[in-house]
C-alpha atoms as a PDB file:
ATOM      1  CA  MET A   1      86.506 161.027  92.471  1.00  0.00           C
ATOM      2  CA  LEU A   2      87.811 157.233  91.709  1.00  0.00           C
ATOM      3  CA  GLU A   3      89.411 158.324  88.493  1.00  0.00           C
ATOM      4  CA  PHE A   4      91.845 160.730  90.764  1.00  0.00           C
ATOM      5  CA  ILE A   5      92.839 158.231  93.165  1.00  0.00           C
ATOM      6  CA  LEU A   6      93.856 155.696  90.438  1.00  0.00           C
ATOM      7  CA  SER A   7      95.943 158.819  88.829  1.00  0.00           C
ATOM      8  CA  TRP A   8      97.325 159.843  91.833  1.00  0.00           C
ATOM      9  CA  ASP A   9      98.284 155.876  92.882  1.00  0.00           C
ATOM     10  CA  GLN A  10      99.713 155.740  89.975  1.00  0.00           C
ATOM     11  CA  SER A  11     101.925 158.501  89.901  1.00  0.00           C
ATOM     12  CA  LEU A  12     102.822 157.549  93.699  1.00  0.00           C
ATOM     13  CA  PHE A  13     103.932 154.133  92.468  1.00  0.00           C
ATOM     14  CA  PHE A  14     106.023 155.228  89.297  1.00  0.00           C
ATOM     15  CA  VAL A  15     107.920 157.280  92.464  1.00  0.00           C
ATOM     16  CA  MET A  16     108.391 154.780  94.906  1.00  0.00           C
ATOM     17  CA  ASN A  17     109.043 151.966  92.134  1.00  0.00           C
ATOM     18  CA  GLY A  18     111.535 154.587  90.602  1.00  0.00           C
ATOM     19  CA  TRP A  19     113.806 154.763  93.047  1.00  0.00           C
ATOM     20  CA  ASP A  20     117.457 154.051  92.039  1.00  0.00           C
ATOM     21  CA  ASN A  21     119.519 152.054  94.867  1.00  0.00           C
ATOM     22  CA  ALA A  22     122.390 149.591  93.723  1.00  0.00           C
ATOM     23  CA  PHE A  23     121.798 148.033  97.796  1.00  0.00           C
ATOM     24  CA  LEU A  24     117.950 148.388  97.909  1.00  0.00           C
ATOM     25  CA  ASP A  25     117.556 146.568  94.423  1.00  0.00           C
ATOM     26  CA  ALA A  26     119.536 143.555  95.648  1.00  0.00           C
ATOM     27  CA  PHE A  27     117.934 143.731  98.889  1.00  0.00           C
ATOM     28  CA  VAL A  28     114.142 144.231  98.771  1.00  0.00           C
ATOM     29  CA  PRO A  29     113.827 141.407  96.663  1.00  0.00           C
ATOM     30  CA  LEU A  30     115.256 139.314  99.752  1.00  0.00           C
ATOM     31  CA  TYR A  31     113.706 141.537 102.164  1.00  0.00           C
ATOM     32  CA  ARG A  32     110.077 140.659 101.045  1.00  0.00           C
ATOM     33  CA  HIS A  33     110.494 137.067 100.236  1.00  0.00           C
ATOM     34  CA  LYS A  34     108.818 134.593 102.890  1.00  0.00           C
ATOM     35  CA  LEU A  35     112.104 132.590 103.456  1.00  0.00           C
ATOM     36  CA  PHE A  36     113.797 135.738 104.352  1.00  0.00           C
ATOM     37  CA  TRP A  37     111.311 135.918 107.749  1.00  0.00           C
ATOM     38  CA  ALA A  38     111.601 132.071 108.308  1.00  0.00           C
ATOM     39  CA  PRO A  39     114.002 133.061 111.712  1.00  0.00           C
ATOM     40  CA  LEU A  40     111.680 135.586 113.182  1.00  0.00           C
ATOM     41  CA  TYR A  41     108.640 132.734 112.349  1.00  0.00           C
ATOM     42  CA  LEU A  42     110.648 130.638 114.217  1.00  0.00           C
ATOM     43  CA  PHE A  43     111.407 132.851 117.313  1.00  0.00           C
ATOM     44  CA  ILE A  44     107.785 133.578 117.321  1.00  0.00           C
ATOM     45  CA  ILE A  45     107.038 130.254 117.855  1.00  0.00           C
ATOM     46  CA  SER A  46     109.903 129.581 120.101  1.00  0.00           C
ATOM     47  CA  PHE A  47     108.436 132.278 122.329  1.00  0.00           C
ATOM     48  CA  ILE A  48     105.216 131.340 122.606  1.00  0.00           C
ATOM     49  CA  LEU A  49     105.998 127.878 123.471  1.00  0.00           C
ATOM     50  CA  PHE A  50     108.523 129.147 126.208  1.00  0.00           C
ATOM     51  CA  ASN A  51     106.643 131.887 127.639  1.00  0.00           C
ATOM     52  CA  PHE A  52     102.775 130.308 127.401  1.00  0.00           C
ATOM     53  CA  PRO A  53     103.267 126.579 128.005  1.00  0.00           C
ATOM     54  CA  LYS A  54      99.771 126.143 129.327  1.00  0.00           C
ATOM     55  CA  ASN A  55      98.447 127.853 125.873  1.00  0.00           C
ATOM     56  CA  ALA A  56     100.825 127.483 123.462  1.00  0.00           C
ATOM     57  CA  HIS A  57      98.473 124.988 121.267  1.00  0.00           C
ATOM     58  CA  TRP A  58      95.826 127.735 121.428  1.00  0.00           C
ATOM     59  CA  ILE A  59      98.119 130.300 120.208  1.00  0.00           C
ATOM     60  CA  LEU A  60      99.679 128.993 117.580  1.00  0.00           C
ATOM     61  CA  MET A  61      96.318 127.717 116.346  1.00  0.00           C
ATOM     62  CA  PHE A  62      94.666 131.565 116.309  1.00  0.00           C
ATOM     63  CA  THR A  63      98.254 132.938 114.814  1.00  0.00           C
ATOM     64  CA  ILE A  64      98.046 129.897 111.785  1.00  0.00           C
ATOM     65  CA  GLY A  65      94.042 130.776 111.747  1.00  0.00           C
ATOM     66  CA  THR A  66      94.867 134.735 111.683  1.00  0.00           C
ATOM     67  CA  ILE A  67      97.009 134.228 108.275  1.00  0.00           C
ATOM     68  CA  MET A  68      94.656 131.757 106.805  1.00  0.00           C
ATOM     69  CA  VAL A  69      91.926 134.224 107.020  1.00  0.00           C
ATOM     70  CA  SER A  70      94.004 136.910 105.815  1.00  0.00           C
ATOM     71  CA  ASP A  71      95.287 135.339 103.130  1.00  0.00           C
ATOM     72  CA  THR A  72      91.559 133.835 101.898  1.00  0.00           C
ATOM     73  CA  MET A  73      90.544 137.537 102.386  1.00  0.00           C
ATOM     74  CA  SER A  74      93.249 138.876 100.193  1.00  0.00           C
ATOM     75  CA  SER A  75      94.013 136.247  97.674  1.00  0.00           C
ATOM     76  CA  LYS A  76      90.957 134.339  96.997  1.00  0.00           C
ATOM     77  CA  VAL A  77      87.820 136.904  98.140  1.00  0.00           C
ATOM     78  CA  ILE A  78      88.718 140.444  97.324  1.00  0.00           C
ATOM     79  CA  LYS A  79      91.786 139.755  94.552  1.00  0.00           C
ATOM     80  CA  GLU A  80      88.934 137.626  92.648  1.00  0.00           C
ATOM     81  CA  SER A  81      86.468 140.154  93.044  1.00  0.00           C
ATOM     82  CA  VAL A  82      88.351 143.189  92.042  1.00  0.00           C
ATOM     83  CA  GLN A  83      90.719 141.501  89.454  1.00  0.00           C
ATOM     84  CA  ARG A  84      92.931 144.812  89.375  1.00  0.00           C
ATOM     85  CA  VAL A  85      95.873 144.418  87.121  1.00  0.00           C
ATOM     86  CA  ARG A  86      99.440 144.282  88.974  1.00  0.00           C
ATOM     87  CA  PRO A  87     101.461 147.604  87.402  1.00  0.00           C
ATOM     88  CA  CYS A  88     103.733 144.986  85.726  1.00  0.00           C
ATOM     89  CA  ASN A  89     101.465 143.438  83.971  1.00  0.00           C
ATOM     90  CA  ASP A  90      99.432 146.372  82.955  1.00  0.00           C
ATOM     91  CA  ILE A  91     100.294 146.713  79.208  1.00  0.00           C
ATOM     92  CA  ALA A  92      99.679 150.490  78.877  1.00  0.00           C
ATOM     93  CA  ILE A  93     102.606 150.993  81.911  1.00  0.00           C
ATOM     94  CA  SER A  94     104.715 147.907  81.923  1.00  0.00           C
ATOM     95  CA  GLY A  95     107.301 149.221  80.170  1.00  0.00           C
ATOM     96  CA  GLU A  96     107.973 152.010  82.540  1.00  0.00           C
ATOM     97  CA  VAL A  97     107.655 149.835  85.908  1.00  0.00           C
ATOM     98  CA  ASN A  98     111.091 148.408  87.269  1.00  0.00           C
ATOM     99  CA  ASN A  99     110.520 144.779  87.605  1.00  0.00           C
ATOM    100  CA  ARG A 100     112.842 144.037  90.249  1.00  0.00           C
ATOM    101  CA  ILE A 101     111.544 140.106  90.895  1.00  0.00           C
ATOM    102  CA  ARG A 102     109.202 137.997  88.568  1.00  0.00           C
ATOM    103  CA  CYS A 103     105.912 139.528  87.846  1.00  0.00           C
ATOM    104  CA  GLY A 104     103.124 136.981  89.292  1.00  0.00           C
ATOM    105  CA  GLY A 105     100.366 136.350  87.137  1.00  0.00           C
ATOM    106  CA  GLY A 106      97.791 136.987  89.957  1.00  0.00           C
ATOM    107  CA  TYR A 107      95.532 140.138  90.444  1.00  0.00           C
ATOM    108  CA  SER A 108      97.007 143.296  92.567  1.00  0.00           C
ATOM    109  CA  PHE A 109      94.351 144.424  94.828  1.00  0.00           C
ATOM    110  CA  THR A 110      94.878 143.858  98.042  1.00  0.00           C
ATOM    111  CA  SER A 111      98.720 143.010  98.611  1.00  0.00           C
ATOM    112  CA  SER A 112      98.578 139.649  99.998  1.00  0.00           C
ATOM    113  CA  HIS A 113     102.085 140.147 101.471  1.00  0.00           C
ATOM    114  CA  ALA A 114     100.919 143.545 103.190  1.00  0.00           C
ATOM    115  CA  THR A 115      97.788 142.084 104.539  1.00  0.00           C
ATOM    116  CA  ASN A 116      99.476 138.914 105.595  1.00  0.00           C
ATOM    117  CA  HIS A 117     102.497 140.792 107.563  1.00  0.00           C
ATOM    118  CA  ALA A 118     100.118 143.263 109.008  1.00  0.00           C
ATOM    119  CA  ALA A 119      97.728 140.693 110.369  1.00  0.00           C
ATOM    120  CA  LEU A 120     100.529 138.675 111.913  1.00  0.00           C
ATOM    121  CA  ALA A 121     101.759 141.816 113.301  1.00  0.00           C
ATOM    122  CA  PHE A 122      98.503 142.959 114.839  1.00  0.00           C
ATOM    123  CA  PHE A 123      97.450 139.953 115.848  1.00  0.00           C
ATOM    124  CA  LEU A 124     100.280 139.714 118.099  1.00  0.00           C
ATOM    125  CA  ILE A 125     100.375 143.414 119.275  1.00  0.00           C
ATOM    126  CA  PHE A 126      96.751 142.431 120.193  1.00  0.00           C
ATOM    127  CA  LEU A 127      97.307 139.049 122.011  1.00  0.00           C
ATOM    128  CA  PHE A 128     100.664 140.718 123.641  1.00  0.00           C
ATOM    129  CA  LYS A 129      99.264 143.634 124.594  1.00  0.00           C
ATOM    130  CA  ASP A 130     100.036 143.533 128.009  1.00  0.00           C
ATOM    131  CA  VAL A 131     103.667 141.705 127.358  1.00  0.00           C
ATOM    132  CA  LEU A 132     105.085 143.660 124.824  1.00  0.00           C
ATOM    133  CA  ARG A 133     106.587 146.803 125.404  1.00  0.00           C
ATOM    134  CA  LYS A 134     105.373 149.782 123.827  1.00  0.00           C
ATOM    135  CA  GLY A 135     108.467 150.161 121.443  1.00  0.00           C
ATOM    136  CA  TRP A 136     107.746 146.570 120.492  1.00  0.00           C
ATOM    137  CA  LYS A 137     104.319 147.251 119.298  1.00  0.00           C
ATOM    138  CA  TRP A 138     106.080 149.843 116.933  1.00  0.00           C
ATOM    139  CA  VAL A 139     108.605 147.727 115.595  1.00  0.00           C
ATOM    140  CA  LEU A 140     105.980 145.020 114.627  1.00  0.00           C
ATOM    141  CA  ALA A 141     103.943 148.019 112.911  1.00  0.00           C
ATOM    142  CA  ILE A 142     106.824 149.184 111.401  1.00  0.00           C
ATOM    143  CA  TRP A 143     107.686 145.804 110.036  1.00  0.00           C
ATOM    144  CA  ALA A 144     104.492 144.849 108.189  1.00  0.00           C
ATOM    145  CA  VAL A 145     104.662 148.511 106.544  1.00  0.00           C
ATOM    146  CA  SER A 146     108.093 148.006 105.186  1.00  0.00           C
ATOM    147  CA  VAL A 147     107.067 144.813 103.584  1.00  0.00           C
ATOM    148  CA  GLY A 148     104.413 146.169 101.939  1.00  0.00           C
ATOM    149  CA  VAL A 149     106.273 149.326 100.937  1.00  0.00           C
ATOM    150  CA  ALA A 150     109.004 146.298  99.110  1.00  0.00           C
ATOM    151  CA  GLN A 151     105.819 145.179  97.133  1.00  0.00           C
ATOM    152  CA  ILE A 152     105.936 148.609  95.536  1.00  0.00           C
ATOM    153  CA  TYR A 153     109.779 148.836  95.247  1.00  0.00           C
ATOM    154  CA  VAL A 154     109.835 145.662  93.298  1.00  0.00           C
ATOM    155  CA  GLY A 155     107.038 146.730  90.893  1.00  0.00           C
ATOM    156  CA  VAL A 156     104.027 144.688  91.604  1.00  0.00           C
ATOM    157  CA  HIS A 157     101.746 146.492  93.955  1.00  0.00           C
ATOM    158  CA  TYR A 158     100.147 149.909  93.585  1.00  0.00           C
ATOM    159  CA  PRO A 159     100.265 151.850  96.860  1.00  0.00           C
ATOM    160  CA  VAL A 160      96.238 151.681  97.234  1.00  0.00           C
ATOM    161  CA  ASP A 161      96.793 147.853  97.315  1.00  0.00           C
ATOM    162  CA  VAL A 162      99.220 148.339 100.079  1.00  0.00           C
ATOM    163  CA  LEU A 163      97.344 150.222 102.166  1.00  0.00           C
ATOM    164  CA  ALA A 164      94.161 148.634 101.843  1.00  0.00           C
ATOM    165  CA  GLY A 165      96.411 145.129 102.483  1.00  0.00           C
ATOM    166  CA  LEU A 166      97.700 146.843 105.938  1.00  0.00           C
ATOM    167  CA  LEU A 167      93.733 148.210 106.873  1.00  0.00           C
ATOM    168  CA  LEU A 168      92.661 144.491 106.101  1.00  0.00           C
ATOM    169  CA  GLY A 169      95.491 142.921 107.873  1.00  0.00           C
ATOM    170  CA  GLY A 170      95.399 145.033 110.653  1.00  0.00           C
ATOM    171  CA  LEU A 171      91.255 144.245 111.209  1.00  0.00           C
ATOM    172  CA  ILE A 172      91.826 140.703 110.781  1.00  0.00           C
ATOM    173  CA  GLY A 173      94.809 140.630 113.188  1.00  0.00           C
ATOM    174  CA  GLY A 174      93.513 142.900 116.132  1.00  0.00           C
ATOM    175  CA  SER A 175      89.869 141.450 115.576  1.00  0.00           C
ATOM    176  CA  LEU A 176      91.411 137.678 116.031  1.00  0.00           C
ATOM    177  CA  GLY A 177      93.919 138.838 118.789  1.00  0.00           C
ATOM    178  CA  ARG A 178      90.843 140.468 121.066  1.00  0.00           C
ATOM    179  CA  LEU A 179      88.617 137.141 120.423  1.00  0.00           C
ATOM    180  CA  TYR A 180      91.698 135.203 121.593  1.00  0.00           C
ATOM    181  CA  HIS A 181      91.697 137.002 124.935  1.00  0.00           C
ATOM    182  CA  TRP A 182      87.774 137.086 125.026  1.00  0.00           C
ATOM    183  CA  VAL A 183      87.833 133.208 124.663  1.00  0.00           C
ATOM    184  CA  PHE A 184      91.018 132.378 126.683  1.00  0.00           C
ATOM    185  CA  SER A 185      93.514 133.925 128.805  1.00  0.00           C
ATOM    186  CA  LEU A 186      97.230 134.642 128.270  1.00  0.00           C
ATOM    187  CA  GLU A 187      98.930 132.048 130.486  1.00  0.00           C
END
């Protein structure tokens, strides 16, 4: 069964990594970069400070904590335990991979980009569950998924790495969003 999943994972990786589009080749490496999202992060901080001044410090601490927990779980705990080689570093297939960015030296499973973005998205969804309109919840979820898919397109992660990262991040973000509401009120 595991062999079937890994074979399917590699086949799907080659389909998604093999898309050939000049616009995406230029845009996706920027899109997945953390500095690309700096304006969004500043907006989130501003939104919290202006709309919830009474508890802004707690909300921001929980937000930072969410990212710290998700990154630690993905990068330090799971990646170091599983030690799956990135597709761009796999000697057996690296010649077939479209490397659209420099291939990192770390491990592949789980995708930390997918984990961290999903954690932040689902933390915000659960934190602002009564404030956000339903459409914005979808926007946040699609944002996290699209950053994960970008990791496959640039050649640094397999689809299962991204899916596992999205699930892990969603679990962490949703749990910490619920924990915030259990401990504090949103004021």
